[in-house]
Amino acid sequence: MSAIVQVDWSQCPLVEVDPEIQSGAPVLAGTRLPVSAIVDNAEYGLSVAEISEQFEVSETQVEAILAYAKGHRVADTVR
């Protein structure tokens, strides 16, 4: 069995979930930017500055999302 790593965004004040925004995917509050885009790009190797520039959000926001994601990972078992 392999595991997919997911993040529990429910307690992050920078993230909102609204079924009318991005089909209910967790997004950076006040935007339509899925937080998964920030995390995925960081895991791909982009720097905080590159992510900030690409998505037009502050470096502080990117750093906070990445720090939260690192500390709130939940492994789900895939069958």
Protein backbone atom coordinates (compact mmCIF):
# COMPACT_ATOMS: atom_id res chain seq x y z
CA MET A 1 0.00 0.00 0.00
CA SER A 2 1.18 3.49 -0.75
CA ALA A 3 0.29 6.68 1.06
CA ILE A 4 -0.79 10.03 -0.32
CA VAL A 5 0.19 12.93 1.87
CA GLN A 6 -2.55 15.48 2.42
CA VAL A 7 -2.76 18.60 4.55
CA ASP A 8 -5.50 19.37 7.08
CA TRP A 9 -6.21 23.01 6.22
CA SER A 10 -9.17 23.30 8.61
CA GLN A 11 -7.32 25.31 11.26
CA CYS A 12 -5.27 27.56 9.00
CA PRO A 13 -6.48 31.18 9.22
CA LEU A 14 -4.96 31.95 5.81
CA VAL A 15 -7.14 29.37 4.04
CA GLU A 16 -10.81 29.33 3.22
CA VAL A 17 -13.04 26.64 1.76
CA ASP A 18 -16.15 27.72 -0.10
CA PRO A 19 -18.05 25.37 -2.40
CA GLU A 20 -18.55 28.31 -4.77
CA ILE A 21 -14.82 29.01 -5.09
CA GLN A 22 -12.65 26.49 -6.97
CA SER A 23 -15.28 23.78 -6.35
CA GLY A 24 -14.59 23.86 -2.63
CA ALA A 25 -10.83 23.34 -2.83
CA PRO A 26 -8.87 25.08 -0.05
CA VAL A 27 -7.75 28.49 -1.34
CA LEU A 28 -5.67 31.34 -0.01
CA ALA A 29 -8.23 33.54 1.76
CA GLY A 30 -9.50 36.38 -0.37
CA THR A 31 -8.24 34.78 -3.59
CA ARG A 32 -9.12 31.96 -5.95
CA LEU A 33 -5.60 30.49 -5.61
CA PRO A 34 -5.68 26.86 -4.46
CA VAL A 35 -3.12 26.37 -1.71
CA SER A 36 -2.16 23.12 -3.42
CA ALA A 37 -0.67 25.24 -6.23
CA ILE A 38 1.68 26.89 -3.73
CA VAL A 39 2.66 23.60 -2.10
CA ASP A 40 3.03 21.74 -5.40
CA ASN A 41 5.24 24.44 -6.89
CA ALA A 42 7.45 24.49 -3.80
CA GLU A 43 7.78 20.70 -3.94
CA TYR A 44 8.67 21.03 -7.63
CA GLY A 45 11.55 23.27 -6.61
CA LEU A 46 10.38 26.84 -7.13
CA SER A 47 11.56 29.36 -4.57
CA VAL A 48 9.26 31.38 -2.34
CA ALA A 49 10.08 34.46 -4.44
CA GLU A 50 9.23 32.66 -7.69
CA ILE A 51 5.92 31.38 -6.31
CA SER A 52 5.10 34.82 -4.95
CA GLU A 53 5.77 36.44 -8.31
CA GLN A 54 4.00 33.75 -10.33
CA PHE A 55 0.76 33.93 -8.33
CA GLU A 56 0.95 37.60 -7.32
CA VAL A 57 0.77 36.97 -3.57
CA SER A 58 3.20 38.08 -0.89
CA GLU A 59 6.26 36.06 0.04
CA THR A 60 4.98 36.16 3.63
CA GLN A 61 1.77 34.42 2.56
CA VAL A 62 3.70 31.77 0.61
CA GLU A 63 6.04 31.14 3.55
CA ALA A 64 3.10 30.86 5.97
CA ILE A 65 1.23 28.39 3.73
CA LEU A 66 4.35 26.25 3.31
CA ALA A 67 5.09 26.28 7.05
CA TYR A 68 1.51 25.31 7.86
CA ALA A 69 1.53 22.53 5.25
CA LYS A 70 4.76 21.12 6.65
CA GLY A 71 3.34 20.97 10.16
CA HIS A 72 -0.15 19.64 9.36
CA ARG A 73 0.34 16.72 7.00
CA VAL A 74 -1.99 13.75 7.24
CA ALA A 75 -1.20 10.47 5.47
CA ASP A 76 -4.12 8.68 3.81
CA THR A 77 -3.73 5.06 2.87
CA VAL A 78 -4.51 4.28 -0.76
CA ARG A 79 -5.61 0.79 -1.72
